[in-house]
Amino acid sequence: MLMTQQMTIPFTIGPNGAVATVSDPVRALSARVRALTATLPTQRVMRATFGVPTTDVMFAWDPSIGQMQLERMVTEAVSLWEPAARVISVRPVMTPDGAEVVGVDVDISAGDSLAAGPSPQYSVRISANGDVVRSG
């Protein structure tokens, strides 16, 4: 597998003063999916359809269709913008009383084109306040 250098997402400066890069294609893919799912459509100049409108569902949660809406929105966006990623699951993060959505958990893995055999699985959590956390 050819190891290429990709700029880190989010953009950072490395300890040597140059743009920080990553060479692991699965980690790079995970970072790109995190950026995609944390961006609302119209937030990127010249890419108005880039992103996932998670706030549409989070702030107007309908328990009867909310889960399906989230799954569809995330899966469609990842399929369009990051086809090398495979969405494993999408889950709303609810308040303890189950009345409101406070975030979205997205589990992804790399498609066969990036890794031979089982690929690492990553989780991305998007909070209603805009925080995004990746694990794995």
N, C-alpha and C. Protein backbone atom coordinates (compact mmCIF):
# COMPACT_ATOMS: atom_id res chain seq x y z
N MET A 1 0.85 -1.17 0.00
CA MET A 1 0.00 0.00 0.00
C MET A 1 0.90 1.24 0.00
N LEU A 2 0.59 2.17 -0.86
CA LEU A 2 1.33 3.41 -0.95
C LEU A 2 0.96 4.31 0.23
N MET A 3 1.94 4.76 0.96
CA MET A 3 1.69 5.65 2.09
C MET A 3 1.92 7.09 1.63
N THR A 4 0.88 7.85 1.58
CA THR A 4 0.99 9.25 1.19
C THR A 4 0.78 10.12 2.42
N GLN A 5 1.29 11.30 2.35
CA GLN A 5 1.12 12.26 3.43
C GLN A 5 -0.11 13.10 3.15
N GLN A 6 -0.95 13.26 4.16
CA GLN A 6 -2.11 14.13 4.04
C GLN A 6 -2.09 15.13 5.18
N MET A 7 -2.55 16.32 4.92
CA MET A 7 -2.63 17.34 5.94
C MET A 7 -3.57 16.87 7.05
N THR A 8 -3.22 17.13 8.29
CA THR A 8 -4.09 16.74 9.39
C THR A 8 -5.36 17.58 9.39
N ILE A 9 -6.41 16.97 9.84
CA ILE A 9 -7.69 17.66 10.02
C ILE A 9 -8.07 17.47 11.48
N PRO A 10 -8.25 18.54 12.24
CA PRO A 10 -8.18 19.94 11.82
C PRO A 10 -6.74 20.35 11.52
N PHE A 11 -6.61 21.40 10.74
CA PHE A 11 -5.32 21.94 10.35
C PHE A 11 -4.52 22.30 11.59
N THR A 12 -3.28 21.83 11.64
CA THR A 12 -2.38 22.17 12.75
C THR A 12 -0.97 22.36 12.21
N ILE A 13 -0.17 23.02 13.00
CA ILE A 13 1.24 23.19 12.71
C ILE A 13 2.00 22.19 13.57
N GLY A 14 2.93 21.47 12.96
CA GLY A 14 3.71 20.48 13.68
C GLY A 14 4.81 21.11 14.50
N PRO A 15 5.51 20.31 15.29
CA PRO A 15 6.57 20.83 16.15
C PRO A 15 7.73 21.46 15.37
N ASN A 16 7.87 21.10 14.10
CA ASN A 16 8.94 21.68 13.28
C ASN A 16 8.52 22.96 12.58
N GLY A 17 7.28 23.42 12.82
CA GLY A 17 6.79 24.65 12.21
C GLY A 17 6.13 24.47 10.87
N ALA A 18 6.12 23.25 10.36
CA ALA A 18 5.48 22.95 9.07
C ALA A 18 4.05 22.47 9.32
N VAL A 19 3.29 22.39 8.25
CA VAL A 19 1.93 21.87 8.34
C VAL A 19 2.02 20.41 8.80
N ALA A 20 1.25 20.06 9.83
CA ALA A 20 1.26 18.69 10.34
C ALA A 20 0.57 17.77 9.34
N THR A 21 1.13 16.56 9.20
CA THR A 21 0.58 15.59 8.26
C THR A 21 0.39 14.25 8.95
N VAL A 22 -0.38 13.40 8.29
CA VAL A 22 -0.60 12.03 8.76
C VAL A 22 -0.38 11.11 7.57
N SER A 23 0.22 9.95 7.81
CA SER A 23 0.47 9.03 6.70
C SER A 23 -0.43 7.79 6.77
N ASP A 24 -1.07 7.55 7.90
CA ASP A 24 -1.97 6.40 8.04
C ASP A 24 -3.28 6.71 7.32
N PRO A 25 -3.59 5.99 6.22
CA PRO A 25 -4.79 6.32 5.44
C PRO A 25 -6.09 6.14 6.22
N VAL A 26 -6.13 5.21 7.17
CA VAL A 26 -7.35 5.00 7.94
C VAL A 26 -7.57 6.16 8.92
N ARG A 27 -6.49 6.63 9.55
CA ARG A 27 -6.62 7.79 10.44
C ARG A 27 -7.00 9.05 9.66
N ALA A 28 -6.44 9.19 8.46
CA ALA A 28 -6.79 10.34 7.62
C ALA A 28 -8.27 10.28 7.23
N LEU A 29 -8.74 9.10 6.87
CA LEU A 29 -10.15 8.94 6.52
C LEU A 29 -11.04 9.26 7.71
N SER A 30 -10.67 8.78 8.87
CA SER A 30 -11.44 9.05 10.07
C SER A 30 -11.54 10.56 10.33
N ALA A 31 -10.45 11.26 10.17
CA ALA A 31 -10.45 12.71 10.38
C ALA A 31 -11.34 13.41 9.36
N ARG A 32 -11.31 12.94 8.13
CA ARG A 32 -12.17 13.55 7.10
C ARG A 32 -13.65 13.30 7.37
N VAL A 33 -13.98 12.10 7.83
CA VAL A 33 -15.38 11.81 8.17
C VAL A 33 -15.81 12.65 9.37
N ARG A 34 -14.90 12.81 10.33
CA ARG A 34 -15.21 13.66 11.49
C ARG A 34 -15.50 15.08 11.03
N ALA A 35 -14.68 15.61 10.13
CA ALA A 35 -14.91 16.96 9.62
C ALA A 35 -16.23 17.05 8.85
N LEU A 36 -16.53 16.03 8.08
CA LEU A 36 -17.79 16.00 7.33
C LEU A 36 -18.99 16.01 8.25
N THR A 37 -18.98 15.13 9.25
CA THR A 37 -20.15 15.02 10.13
C THR A 37 -20.27 16.18 11.10
N ALA A 38 -19.20 16.94 11.29
CA ALA A 38 -19.24 18.09 12.19
C ALA A 38 -19.56 19.39 11.46
N THR A 39 -19.69 19.31 10.15
CA THR A 39 -19.97 20.50 9.35
C THR A 39 -21.42 20.50 8.91
N LEU A 40 -22.05 21.63 9.06
CA LEU A 40 -23.43 21.78 8.57
C LEU A 40 -23.39 22.26 7.12
N PRO A 41 -24.32 21.78 6.29
CA PRO A 41 -24.38 22.29 4.91
C PRO A 41 -24.44 23.82 4.91
N THR A 42 -23.80 24.42 3.96
CA THR A 42 -23.64 25.86 3.73
C THR A 42 -22.53 26.48 4.56
N GLN A 43 -21.88 25.73 5.45
CA GLN A 43 -20.79 26.31 6.24
C GLN A 43 -19.49 26.41 5.46
N ARG A 44 -19.35 25.65 4.39
CA ARG A 44 -18.11 25.70 3.61
C ARG A 44 -18.33 26.48 2.32
N VAL A 45 -17.50 27.46 2.13
CA VAL A 45 -17.56 28.27 0.92
C VAL A 45 -17.26 27.37 -0.28
N MET A 46 -18.02 27.50 -1.32
CA MET A 46 -17.87 26.76 -2.57
C MET A 46 -18.23 25.28 -2.46
N ARG A 47 -18.68 24.84 -1.33
CA ARG A 47 -19.13 23.45 -1.13
C ARG A 47 -20.38 23.48 -0.27
N ALA A 48 -21.43 24.12 -0.77
CA ALA A 48 -22.63 24.35 0.02
C ALA A 48 -23.32 23.07 0.48
N THR A 49 -23.13 21.97 -0.23
CA THR A 49 -23.80 20.73 0.16
C THR A 49 -22.92 19.84 1.04
N PHE A 50 -21.68 20.26 1.30
CA PHE A 50 -20.79 19.48 2.15
C PHE A 50 -21.28 19.55 3.60
N GLY A 51 -21.38 18.41 4.24
CA GLY A 51 -21.76 18.37 5.65
C GLY A 51 -23.02 17.55 5.88
N VAL A 52 -23.42 17.50 7.13
CA VAL A 52 -24.60 16.75 7.55
C VAL A 52 -25.46 17.67 8.40
N PRO A 53 -26.73 17.85 8.05
CA PRO A 53 -27.60 18.76 8.81
C PRO A 53 -28.10 18.15 10.12
N THR A 54 -27.16 17.75 10.98
CA THR A 54 -27.53 17.07 12.23
C THR A 54 -28.41 17.94 13.13
N THR A 55 -28.21 19.25 13.10
CA THR A 55 -29.01 20.11 13.99
C THR A 55 -30.48 20.09 13.60
N ASP A 56 -30.79 19.82 12.33
CA ASP A 56 -32.20 19.73 11.92
C ASP A 56 -32.93 18.67 12.72
N VAL A 57 -32.23 17.59 13.01
CA VAL A 57 -32.84 16.48 13.75
C VAL A 57 -32.65 16.66 15.25
N MET A 58 -31.47 17.14 15.66
CA MET A 58 -31.17 17.25 17.08
C MET A 58 -32.08 18.24 17.79
N PHE A 59 -32.40 19.34 17.14
CA PHE A 59 -33.20 20.37 17.80
C PHE A 59 -34.69 20.23 17.53
N ALA A 60 -35.07 19.27 16.73
CA ALA A 60 -36.49 19.01 16.47
C ALA A 60 -36.68 17.49 16.48
N TRP A 61 -36.28 16.85 17.57
CA TRP A 61 -36.26 15.40 17.65
C TRP A 61 -37.67 14.82 17.62
N ASP A 62 -37.87 13.90 16.70
CA ASP A 62 -39.12 13.16 16.60
C ASP A 62 -38.77 11.69 16.83
N PRO A 63 -39.12 11.14 18.00
CA PRO A 63 -38.71 9.77 18.32
C PRO A 63 -39.15 8.73 17.30
N SER A 64 -40.22 8.99 16.58
CA SER A 64 -40.72 7.99 15.64
C SER A 64 -39.87 7.88 14.37
N ILE A 65 -39.20 8.96 13.98
CA ILE A 65 -38.41 8.92 12.74
C ILE A 65 -36.99 9.47 12.89
N GLY A 66 -36.64 9.99 14.04
CA GLY A 66 -35.34 10.64 14.23
C GLY A 66 -34.16 9.75 13.94
N GLN A 67 -34.20 8.52 14.44
CA GLN A 67 -33.10 7.59 14.21
C GLN A 67 -32.89 7.34 12.72
N MET A 68 -33.98 7.09 12.01
CA MET A 68 -33.88 6.84 10.57
C MET A 68 -33.35 8.08 9.83
N GLN A 69 -33.80 9.27 10.25
CA GLN A 69 -33.32 10.50 9.61
C GLN A 69 -31.82 10.66 9.78
N LEU A 70 -31.34 10.46 11.01
CA LEU A 70 -29.91 10.58 11.26
C LEU A 70 -29.11 9.59 10.43
N GLU A 71 -29.53 8.34 10.44
CA GLU A 71 -28.83 7.31 9.67
C GLU A 71 -28.77 7.66 8.19
N ARG A 72 -29.89 8.09 7.65
CA ARG A 72 -29.95 8.43 6.23
C ARG A 72 -29.04 9.61 5.92
N MET A 73 -29.12 10.67 6.71
CA MET A 73 -28.32 11.87 6.45
C MET A 73 -26.82 11.57 6.51
N VAL A 74 -26.40 10.86 7.54
CA VAL A 74 -24.97 10.56 7.69
C VAL A 74 -24.50 9.61 6.59
N THR A 75 -25.25 8.56 6.34
CA THR A 75 -24.87 7.58 5.33
C THR A 75 -24.79 8.22 3.94
N GLU A 76 -25.76 9.06 3.59
CA GLU A 76 -25.74 9.72 2.28
C GLU A 76 -24.55 10.66 2.15
N ALA A 77 -24.27 11.44 3.19
CA ALA A 77 -23.15 12.38 3.13
C ALA A 77 -21.82 11.64 3.03
N VAL A 78 -21.65 10.60 3.82
CA VAL A 78 -20.40 9.83 3.77
C VAL A 78 -20.24 9.16 2.42
N SER A 79 -21.32 8.62 1.88
CA SER A 79 -21.27 7.98 0.57
C SER A 79 -20.88 8.98 -0.51
N LEU A 80 -21.37 10.19 -0.43
CA LEU A 80 -21.08 11.21 -1.43
C LEU A 80 -19.67 11.77 -1.29
N TRP A 81 -19.28 12.16 -0.07
CA TRP A 81 -18.05 12.88 0.14
C TRP A 81 -16.86 12.02 0.55
N GLU A 82 -17.09 10.86 1.16
CA GLU A 82 -16.01 9.98 1.59
C GLU A 82 -16.37 8.53 1.27
N PRO A 83 -16.44 8.17 -0.01
CA PRO A 83 -16.89 6.83 -0.39
C PRO A 83 -15.99 5.70 0.09
N ALA A 84 -14.76 6.00 0.53
CA ALA A 84 -13.88 4.95 1.04
C ALA A 84 -14.25 4.55 2.47
N ALA A 85 -15.12 5.31 3.11
CA ALA A 85 -15.55 4.99 4.48
C ALA A 85 -16.83 4.18 4.45
N ARG A 86 -16.99 3.37 5.44
CA ARG A 86 -18.22 2.58 5.59
C ARG A 86 -18.84 2.94 6.93
N VAL A 87 -20.08 3.39 6.90
CA VAL A 87 -20.80 3.72 8.13
C VAL A 87 -21.31 2.43 8.75
N ILE A 88 -20.91 2.19 9.98
CA ILE A 88 -21.33 0.99 10.70
C ILE A 88 -22.61 1.26 11.47
N SER A 89 -22.64 2.38 12.19
CA SER A 89 -23.86 2.71 12.93
C SER A 89 -23.91 4.21 13.20
N VAL A 90 -25.13 4.69 13.40
CA VAL A 90 -25.40 6.07 13.75
C VAL A 90 -26.41 6.02 14.90
N ARG A 91 -26.04 6.66 16.03
CA ARG A 91 -26.92 6.62 17.20
C ARG A 91 -27.08 8.00 17.81
N PRO A 92 -28.29 8.38 18.13
CA PRO A 92 -28.46 9.64 18.86
C PRO A 92 -27.99 9.46 20.31
N VAL A 93 -27.42 10.50 20.88
CA VAL A 93 -27.05 10.52 22.29
C VAL A 93 -28.13 11.34 22.99
N MET A 94 -28.86 10.69 23.87
CA MET A 94 -30.02 11.32 24.50
C MET A 94 -29.70 11.83 25.90
N THR A 95 -30.50 12.78 26.36
CA THR A 95 -30.43 13.20 27.76
C THR A 95 -30.87 12.02 28.63
N PRO A 96 -30.52 12.02 29.91
CA PRO A 96 -30.89 10.89 30.78
C PRO A 96 -32.39 10.57 30.76
N ASP A 97 -33.23 11.58 30.59
CA ASP A 97 -34.67 11.31 30.58
C ASP A 97 -35.17 10.89 29.19
N GLY A 98 -34.28 10.90 28.19
CA GLY A 98 -34.64 10.47 26.85
C GLY A 98 -35.47 11.46 26.07
N ALA A 99 -35.57 12.70 26.55
CA ALA A 99 -36.43 13.68 25.90
C ALA A 99 -35.73 14.48 24.81
N GLU A 100 -34.42 14.66 24.92
CA GLU A 100 -33.71 15.50 23.96
C GLU A 100 -32.44 14.82 23.47
N VAL A 101 -32.06 15.18 22.26
CA VAL A 101 -30.81 14.68 21.69
C VAL A 101 -29.72 15.69 22.00
N VAL A 102 -28.60 15.21 22.54
CA VAL A 102 -27.48 16.10 22.86
C VAL A 102 -26.25 15.81 22.00
N GLY A 103 -26.34 14.81 21.15
CA GLY A 103 -25.22 14.48 20.29
C GLY A 103 -25.55 13.33 19.37
N VAL A 104 -24.61 12.99 18.53
CA VAL A 104 -24.77 11.88 17.60
C VAL A 104 -23.47 11.07 17.61
N ASP A 105 -23.56 9.77 17.78
CA ASP A 105 -22.40 8.88 17.66
C ASP A 105 -22.42 8.23 16.29
N VAL A 106 -21.31 8.28 15.59
CA VAL A 106 -21.17 7.66 14.28
C VAL A 106 -19.97 6.72 14.34
N ASP A 107 -20.19 5.46 14.07
CA ASP A 107 -19.12 4.47 14.00
C ASP A 107 -18.82 4.19 12.53
N ILE A 108 -17.54 4.25 12.16
CA ILE A 108 -17.14 4.03 10.78
C ILE A 108 -15.98 3.05 10.74
N SER A 109 -15.76 2.50 9.57
CA SER A 109 -14.54 1.75 9.30
C SER A 109 -14.14 2.05 7.87
N ALA A 110 -12.90 1.70 7.55
CA ALA A 110 -12.41 1.94 6.19
C ALA A 110 -12.93 0.84 5.28
N GLY A 111 -13.24 1.20 4.05
CA GLY A 111 -13.65 0.21 3.07
C GLY A 111 -12.47 -0.65 2.67
N ASP A 112 -12.71 -1.67 1.89
CA ASP A 112 -11.67 -2.61 1.49
C ASP A 112 -10.54 -1.95 0.71
N SER A 113 -10.81 -0.82 0.10
CA SER A 113 -9.77 -0.19 -0.70
C SER A 113 -8.64 0.39 0.15
N LEU A 114 -8.90 0.63 1.44
CA LEU A 114 -7.88 1.23 2.28
C LEU A 114 -7.17 0.22 3.17
N ALA A 115 -7.79 -0.88 3.45
CA ALA A 115 -7.18 -1.82 4.40
C ALA A 115 -7.50 -3.24 3.99
N ALA A 116 -6.55 -4.11 4.13
CA ALA A 116 -6.77 -5.52 3.85
C ALA A 116 -7.27 -6.18 5.13
N GLY A 117 -8.30 -6.95 5.03
CA GLY A 117 -8.86 -7.61 6.21
C GLY A 117 -9.67 -6.63 7.03
N PRO A 118 -9.93 -6.97 8.30
CA PRO A 118 -10.73 -6.10 9.14
C PRO A 118 -10.02 -4.76 9.35
N SER A 119 -10.76 -3.70 9.24
CA SER A 119 -10.15 -2.39 9.44
C SER A 119 -10.53 -1.87 10.82
N PRO A 120 -9.72 -0.96 11.34
CA PRO A 120 -10.05 -0.38 12.64
C PRO A 120 -11.41 0.32 12.57
N GLN A 121 -12.07 0.33 13.68
CA GLN A 121 -13.36 1.01 13.77
C GLN A 121 -13.16 2.27 14.59
N TYR A 122 -13.77 3.35 14.15
CA TYR A 122 -13.66 4.62 14.84
C TYR A 122 -15.04 5.13 15.18
N SER A 123 -15.10 5.89 16.26
CA SER A 123 -16.35 6.53 16.65
C SER A 123 -16.16 8.03 16.61
N VAL A 124 -17.17 8.71 16.15
CA VAL A 124 -17.18 10.17 16.12
C VAL A 124 -18.41 10.61 16.89
N ARG A 125 -18.25 11.49 17.86
CA ARG A 125 -19.41 12.03 18.58
C ARG A 125 -19.51 13.51 18.28
N ILE A 126 -20.69 13.91 17.84
CA ILE A 126 -20.98 15.30 17.55
C ILE A 126 -21.95 15.78 18.60
N SER A 127 -21.59 16.80 19.37
CA SER A 127 -22.47 17.32 20.39
C SER A 127 -23.26 18.50 19.86
N ALA A 128 -24.38 18.76 20.48
CA ALA A 128 -25.24 19.86 20.05
C ALA A 128 -24.52 21.20 20.15
N ASN A 129 -23.53 21.31 21.03
CA ASN A 129 -22.80 22.57 21.16
C ASN A 129 -21.68 22.71 20.14
N GLY A 130 -21.53 21.71 19.27
CA GLY A 130 -20.55 21.78 18.20
C GLY A 130 -19.26 21.03 18.47
N ASP A 131 -19.07 20.52 19.69
CA ASP A 131 -17.86 19.75 19.99
C ASP A 131 -17.88 18.43 19.21
N VAL A 132 -16.72 18.02 18.75
CA VAL A 132 -16.58 16.77 18.03
C VAL A 132 -15.43 15.98 18.66
N VAL A 133 -15.69 14.71 18.97
CA VAL A 133 -14.66 13.89 19.60
C VAL A 133 -14.54 12.60 18.79
N ARG A 134 -13.30 12.15 18.57
CA ARG A 134 -13.06 10.90 17.87
C ARG A 134 -12.40 9.95 18.84
N SER A 135 -12.78 8.69 18.78
CA SER A 135 -12.10 7.67 19.56
C SER A 135 -11.78 6.50 18.67
N GLY A 136 -10.82 5.71 19.07
CA GLY A 136 -10.43 4.54 18.30
C GLY A 136 -9.25 4.83 17.43
